[in-house]
Structures are given as structure tokens and as C-alpha cells.
Amino acid sequence: MPDTPDRFDVPDPAETDAERRRRRAQFLRELAEARALRDRVQPRRAKAARLRHAMRMRTFRW
């Protein structure tokens, strides 16, 4: 289907800012939910990720 445009190629000019923000908020909610689920299912990996993040934050230069 090379002649059918992908919906992510060109933004819909009729889409309002509010609709875009609503879709983005929904996406971020689902992403946070997926991360929380992964953390519950893999606690050791989640702990290691937290420790890595803490180390990055401690060594970050402002």
C-alpha cells in the first residue's frame, strides 16, 4: 500500500491543540501504567534501574 499515506506523516490541519494535548496525555498515562506494571513484574530490574538513575542524577553537572 505505497499510495496510502501514513497518518503520522503529515499532521492533520483540523486537529486542535486541545486534541493533541489530550492524545499526548493519554499516551503518557498508558506509558506510566506500562512502566509500573513492568516494575511490579520485574522488581530486581526495577531496583537496578532506580539505582542507575540515582547514580546518573548524583553525577550530573548543573
PDB file of N, CA and C in Angstrom:
ATOM      1  N   MET A   1       0.822  -1.193   0.000  1.00  0.00           N
ATOM      2  CA  MET A   1       0.000   0.000   0.000  1.00  0.00           C
ATOM      3  C   MET A   1       0.868   1.260   0.000  1.00  0.00           C
ATOM      4  N   PRO A   2       1.692   1.467  -0.992  1.00  0.00           N
ATOM      5  CA  PRO A   2       2.544   2.648  -1.018  1.00  0.00           C
ATOM      6  C   PRO A   2       1.788   3.946  -1.277  1.00  0.00           C
ATOM      7  N   ASP A   3       0.570   3.854  -1.866  1.00  0.00           N
ATOM      8  CA  ASP A   3      -0.154   5.077  -2.186  1.00  0.00           C
ATOM      9  C   ASP A   3      -1.053   5.552  -1.047  1.00  0.00           C
ATOM     10  N   THR A   4      -1.155   4.778   0.056  1.00  0.00           N
ATOM     11  CA  THR A   4      -1.953   5.227   1.180  1.00  0.00           C
ATOM     12  C   THR A   4      -1.043   5.968   2.160  1.00  0.00           C
ATOM     13  N   PRO A   5      -1.363   7.207   2.471  1.00  0.00           N
ATOM     14  CA  PRO A   5      -0.499   7.989   3.375  1.00  0.00           C
ATOM     15  C   PRO A   5      -0.579   7.473   4.800  1.00  0.00           C
ATOM     16  N   ASP A   6       0.549   7.465   5.467  1.00  0.00           N
ATOM     17  CA  ASP A   6       0.594   7.089   6.876  1.00  0.00           C
ATOM     18  C   ASP A   6       0.061   8.266   7.683  1.00  0.00           C
ATOM     19  N   ARG A   7      -0.727   7.995   8.688  1.00  0.00           N
ATOM     20  CA  ARG A   7      -1.348   9.102   9.423  1.00  0.00           C
ATOM     21  C   ARG A   7      -0.354   9.890  10.251  1.00  0.00           C
ATOM     22  N   PHE A   8       0.860   9.369  10.436  1.00  0.00           N
ATOM     23  CA  PHE A   8       1.861  10.092  11.208  1.00  0.00           C
ATOM     24  C   PHE A   8       2.764  10.948  10.319  1.00  0.00           C
ATOM     25  N   ASP A   9       2.638  10.817   9.008  1.00  0.00           N
ATOM     26  CA  ASP A   9       3.497  11.576   8.097  1.00  0.00           C
ATOM     27  C   ASP A   9       3.186  13.069   8.145  1.00  0.00           C
ATOM     28  N   VAL A  10       1.928  13.406   7.992  1.00  0.00           N
ATOM     29  CA  VAL A  10       1.528  14.809   7.909  1.00  0.00           C
ATOM     30  C   VAL A  10       0.516  15.086   9.012  1.00  0.00           C
ATOM     31  N   PRO A  11       0.750  16.082   9.845  1.00  0.00           N
ATOM     32  CA  PRO A  11      -0.230  16.387  10.882  1.00  0.00           C
ATOM     33  C   PRO A  11      -1.544  16.877  10.281  1.00  0.00           C
ATOM     34  N   ASP A  12      -2.636  16.474  10.880  1.00  0.00           N
ATOM     35  CA  ASP A  12      -3.962  16.875  10.409  1.00  0.00           C
ATOM     36  C   ASP A  12      -4.165  18.354  10.726  1.00  0.00           C
ATOM     37  N   PRO A  13      -4.384  19.179   9.704  1.00  0.00           N
ATOM     38  CA  PRO A  13      -4.542  20.610   9.964  1.00  0.00           C
ATOM     39  C   PRO A  13      -5.793  20.919  10.786  1.00  0.00           C
ATOM     40  N   ALA A  14      -6.786  20.024  10.767  1.00  0.00           N
ATOM     41  CA  ALA A  14      -8.014  20.261  11.511  1.00  0.00           C
ATOM     42  C   ALA A  14      -7.851  19.911  12.988  1.00  0.00           C
ATOM     43  N   GLU A  15      -6.763  19.226  13.348  1.00  0.00           N
ATOM     44  CA  GLU A  15      -6.560  18.829  14.737  1.00  0.00           C
ATOM     45  C   GLU A  15      -6.224  20.050  15.596  1.00  0.00           C
ATOM     46  N   THR A  16      -6.940  20.211  16.667  1.00  0.00           N
ATOM     47  CA  THR A  16      -6.695  21.372  17.530  1.00  0.00           C
ATOM     48  C   THR A  16      -5.607  21.043  18.545  1.00  0.00           C
ATOM     49  N   ASP A  17      -5.108  22.092  19.170  1.00  0.00           N
ATOM     50  CA  ASP A  17      -4.104  21.921  20.220  1.00  0.00           C
ATOM     51  C   ASP A  17      -4.657  21.076  21.357  1.00  0.00           C
ATOM     52  N   ALA A  18      -5.911  21.295  21.690  1.00  0.00           N
ATOM     53  CA  ALA A  18      -6.520  20.554  22.797  1.00  0.00           C
ATOM     54  C   ALA A  18      -6.563  19.060  22.491  1.00  0.00           C
ATOM     55  N   GLU A  19      -6.898  18.712  21.244  1.00  0.00           N
ATOM     56  CA  GLU A  19      -6.941  17.296  20.873  1.00  0.00           C
ATOM     57  C   GLU A  19      -5.553  16.680  20.943  1.00  0.00           C
ATOM     58  N   ARG A  20      -4.554  17.416  20.483  1.00  0.00           N
ATOM     59  CA  ARG A  20      -3.186  16.903  20.524  1.00  0.00           C
ATOM     60  C   ARG A  20      -2.735  16.696  21.969  1.00  0.00           C
ATOM     61  N   ARG A  21      -3.034  17.676  22.824  1.00  0.00           N
ATOM     62  CA  ARG A  21      -2.660  17.552  24.240  1.00  0.00           C
ATOM     63  C   ARG A  21      -3.389  16.389  24.904  1.00  0.00           C
ATOM     64  N   ARG A  22      -4.664  16.182  24.533  1.00  0.00           N
ATOM     65  CA  ARG A  22      -5.437  15.082  25.108  1.00  0.00           C
ATOM     66  C   ARG A  22      -4.843  13.735  24.695  1.00  0.00           C
ATOM     67  N   ARG A  23      -4.484  13.603  23.404  1.00  0.00           N
ATOM     68  CA  ARG A  23      -3.862  12.353  22.944  1.00  0.00           C
ATOM     69  C   ARG A  23      -2.518  12.129  23.625  1.00  0.00           C
ATOM     70  N   ARG A  24      -1.745  13.202  23.794  1.00  0.00           N
ATOM     71  CA  ARG A  24      -0.429  13.090  24.436  1.00  0.00           C
ATOM     72  C   ARG A  24      -0.577  12.687  25.901  1.00  0.00           C
ATOM     73  N   ALA A  25      -1.557  13.286  26.591  1.00  0.00           N
ATOM     74  CA  ALA A  25      -1.797  12.938  27.990  1.00  0.00           C
ATOM     75  C   ALA A  25      -2.199  11.471  28.120  1.00  0.00           C
ATOM     76  N   GLN A  26      -3.044  10.998  27.200  1.00  0.00           N
ATOM     77  CA  GLN A  26      -3.461   9.593  27.211  1.00  0.00           C
ATOM     78  C   GLN A  26      -2.252   8.686  26.989  1.00  0.00           C
ATOM     79  N   PHE A  27      -1.414   9.049  26.039  1.00  0.00           N
ATOM     80  CA  PHE A  27      -0.216   8.256  25.764  1.00  0.00           C
ATOM     81  C   PHE A  27       0.692   8.197  26.992  1.00  0.00           C
ATOM     82  N   LEU A  28       0.911   9.345  27.640  1.00  0.00           N
ATOM     83  CA  LEU A  28       1.789   9.376  28.812  1.00  0.00           C
ATOM     84  C   LEU A  28       1.204   8.584  29.977  1.00  0.00           C
ATOM     85  N   ARG A  29      -0.133   8.618  30.131  1.00  0.00           N
ATOM     86  CA  ARG A  29      -0.766   7.803  31.171  1.00  0.00           C
ATOM     87  C   ARG A  29      -0.538   6.318  30.912  1.00  0.00           C
ATOM     88  N   GLU A  30      -0.729   5.900  29.652  1.00  0.00           N
ATOM     89  CA  GLU A  30      -0.531   4.493  29.312  1.00  0.00           C
ATOM     90  C   GLU A  30       0.931   4.084  29.474  1.00  0.00           C
ATOM     91  N   LEU A  31       1.843   4.981  29.132  1.00  0.00           N
ATOM     92  CA  LEU A  31       3.263   4.689  29.292  1.00  0.00           C
ATOM     93  C   LEU A  31       3.618   4.514  30.765  1.00  0.00           C
ATOM     94  N   ALA A  32       3.120   5.384  31.621  1.00  0.00           N
ATOM     95  CA  ALA A  32       3.383   5.269  33.055  1.00  0.00           C
ATOM     96  C   ALA A  32       2.783   3.982  33.612  1.00  0.00           C
ATOM     97  N   GLU A  33       1.606   3.624  33.124  1.00  0.00           N
ATOM     98  CA  GLU A  33       0.963   2.388  33.578  1.00  0.00           C
ATOM     99  C   GLU A  33       1.784   1.169  33.154  1.00  0.00           C
ATOM    100  N   ALA A  34       2.294   1.196  31.931  1.00  0.00           N
ATOM    101  CA  ALA A  34       3.111   0.080  31.450  1.00  0.00           C
ATOM    102  C   ALA A  34       4.407  -0.030  32.247  1.00  0.00           C
ATOM    103  N   ARG A  35       5.016   1.110  32.567  1.00  0.00           N
ATOM    104  CA  ARG A  35       6.246   1.083  33.366  1.00  0.00           C
ATOM    105  C   ARG A  35       5.973   0.552  34.768  1.00  0.00           C
ATOM    106  N   ALA A  36       4.858   0.966  35.357  1.00  0.00           N
ATOM    107  CA  ALA A  36       4.511   0.489  36.703  1.00  0.00           C
ATOM    108  C   ALA A  36       4.288  -1.026  36.681  1.00  0.00           C
ATOM    109  N   LEU A  37       3.611  -1.518  35.653  1.00  0.00           N
ATOM    110  CA  LEU A  37       3.387  -2.955  35.532  1.00  0.00           C
ATOM    111  C   LEU A  37       4.706  -3.698  35.389  1.00  0.00           C
ATOM    112  N   ARG A  38       5.598  -3.174  34.551  1.00  0.00           N
ATOM    113  CA  ARG A  38       6.902  -3.820  34.365  1.00  0.00           C
ATOM    114  C   ARG A  38       7.693  -3.833  35.673  1.00  0.00           C
ATOM    115  N   ASP A  39       7.603  -2.737  36.431  1.00  0.00           N
ATOM    116  CA  ASP A  39       8.317  -2.676  37.707  1.00  0.00           C
ATOM    117  C   ASP A  39       7.768  -3.693  38.702  1.00  0.00           C
ATOM    118  N   ARG A  40       6.452  -3.913  38.682  1.00  0.00           N
ATOM    119  CA  ARG A  40       5.876  -4.910  39.592  1.00  0.00           C
ATOM    120  C   ARG A  40       6.270  -6.321  39.183  1.00  0.00           C
ATOM    121  N   VAL A  41       6.342  -6.557  37.882  1.00  0.00           N
ATOM    122  CA  VAL A  41       6.634  -7.901  37.389  1.00  0.00           C
ATOM    123  C   VAL A  41       8.119  -8.223  37.514  1.00  0.00           C
ATOM    124  N   GLN A  42       8.981  -7.223  37.384  1.00  0.00           N
ATOM    125  CA  GLN A  42      10.427  -7.444  37.425  1.00  0.00           C
ATOM    126  C   GLN A  42      11.057  -6.529  38.478  1.00  0.00           C
ATOM    127  N   PRO A  43      10.863  -6.840  39.769  1.00  0.00           N
ATOM    128  CA  PRO A  43      11.347  -5.927  40.813  1.00  0.00           C
ATOM    129  C   PRO A  43      12.865  -5.778  40.827  1.00  0.00           C
ATOM    130  N   ARG A  44      13.598  -6.833  40.497  1.00  0.00           N
ATOM    131  CA  ARG A  44      15.064  -6.714  40.532  1.00  0.00           C
ATOM    132  C   ARG A  44      15.547  -5.751  39.455  1.00  0.00           C
ATOM    133  N   ARG A  45      14.976  -5.866  38.269  1.00  0.00           N
ATOM    134  CA  ARG A  45      15.359  -4.956  37.182  1.00  0.00           C
ATOM    135  C   ARG A  45      14.953  -3.520  37.510  1.00  0.00           C
ATOM    136  N   ALA A  46      13.792  -3.369  38.155  1.00  0.00           N
ATOM    137  CA  ALA A  46      13.330  -2.035  38.523  1.00  0.00           C
ATOM    138  C   ALA A  46      14.268  -1.412  39.561  1.00  0.00           C
ATOM    139  N   LYS A  47      14.706  -2.219  40.507  1.00  0.00           N
ATOM    140  CA  LYS A  47      15.623  -1.696  41.526  1.00  0.00           C
ATOM    141  C   LYS A  47      16.944  -1.274  40.883  1.00  0.00           C
ATOM    142  N   ALA A  48      17.457  -2.095  39.973  1.00  0.00           N
ATOM    143  CA  ALA A  48      18.706  -1.757  39.286  1.00  0.00           C
ATOM    144  C   ALA A  48      18.534  -0.467  38.480  1.00  0.00           C
ATOM    145  N   ALA A  49      17.386  -0.312  37.834  1.00  0.00           N
ATOM    146  CA  ALA A  49      17.134   0.904  37.059  1.00  0.00           C
ATOM    147  C   ALA A  49      17.074   2.125  37.978  1.00  0.00           C
ATOM    148  N   ARG A  50      16.439   1.975  39.148  1.00  0.00           N
ATOM    149  CA  ARG A  50      16.395   3.085  40.101  1.00  0.00           C
ATOM    150  C   ARG A  50      17.795   3.470  40.563  1.00  0.00           C
ATOM    151  N   LEU A  51      18.631   2.463  40.849  1.00  0.00           N
ATOM    152  CA  LEU A  51      19.991   2.745  41.295  1.00  0.00           C
ATOM    153  C   LEU A  51      20.806   3.426  40.189  1.00  0.00           C
ATOM    154  N   ARG A  52      20.652   2.962  38.950  1.00  0.00           N
ATOM    155  CA  ARG A  52      21.354   3.605  37.833  1.00  0.00           C
ATOM    156  C   ARG A  52      20.909   5.051  37.671  1.00  0.00           C
ATOM    157  N   HIS A  53      19.615   5.269  37.779  1.00  0.00           N
ATOM    158  CA  HIS A  53      19.094   6.632  37.631  1.00  0.00           C
ATOM    159  C   HIS A  53      19.627   7.535  38.748  1.00  0.00           C
ATOM    160  N   ALA A  54      19.641   7.007  39.979  1.00  0.00           N
ATOM    161  CA  ALA A  54      20.152   7.790  41.104  1.00  0.00           C
ATOM    162  C   ALA A  54      21.627   8.133  40.886  1.00  0.00           C
ATOM    163  N   MET A  55      22.393   7.189  40.364  1.00  0.00           N
ATOM    164  CA  MET A  55      23.810   7.454  40.113  1.00  0.00           C
ATOM    165  C   MET A  55      23.973   8.526  39.031  1.00  0.00           C
ATOM    166  N   ARG A  56      23.162   8.447  37.987  1.00  0.00           N
ATOM    167  CA  ARG A  56      23.216   9.477  36.939  1.00  0.00           C
ATOM    168  C   ARG A  56      22.883  10.839  37.511  1.00  0.00           C
ATOM    169  N   MET A  57      21.880  10.892  38.372  1.00  0.00           N
ATOM    170  CA  MET A  57      21.476  12.177  38.934  1.00  0.00           C
ATOM    171  C   MET A  57      22.549  12.727  39.875  1.00  0.00           C
ATOM    172  N   ARG A  58      23.223  11.852  40.604  1.00  0.00           N
ATOM    173  CA  ARG A  58      24.277  12.321  41.512  1.00  0.00           C
ATOM    174  C   ARG A  58      25.470  12.868  40.753  1.00  0.00           C
ATOM    175  N   THR A  59      25.761  12.295  39.589  1.00  0.00           N
ATOM    176  CA  THR A  59      26.963  12.706  38.845  1.00  0.00           C
ATOM    177  C   THR A  59      26.652  13.776  37.790  1.00  0.00           C
ATOM    178  N   PHE A  60      25.391  14.185  37.683  1.00  0.00           N
ATOM    179  CA  PHE A  60      25.023  15.184  36.678  1.00  0.00           C
ATOM    180  C   PHE A  60      25.512  16.560  37.116  1.00  0.00           C
ATOM    181  N   ARG A  61      26.092  17.303  36.201  1.00  0.00           N
ATOM    182  CA  ARG A  61      26.558  18.672  36.495  1.00  0.00           C
ATOM    183  C   ARG A  61      25.487  19.668  36.075  1.00  0.00           C
ATOM    184  N   TRP A  62      25.066  20.519  36.968  1.00  0.00           N
ATOM    185  CA  TRP A  62      24.072  21.544  36.651  1.00  0.00           C
ATOM    186  C   TRP A  62      24.690  22.691  35.960  1.00  0.00           C
TER     187      TRP A  62
END
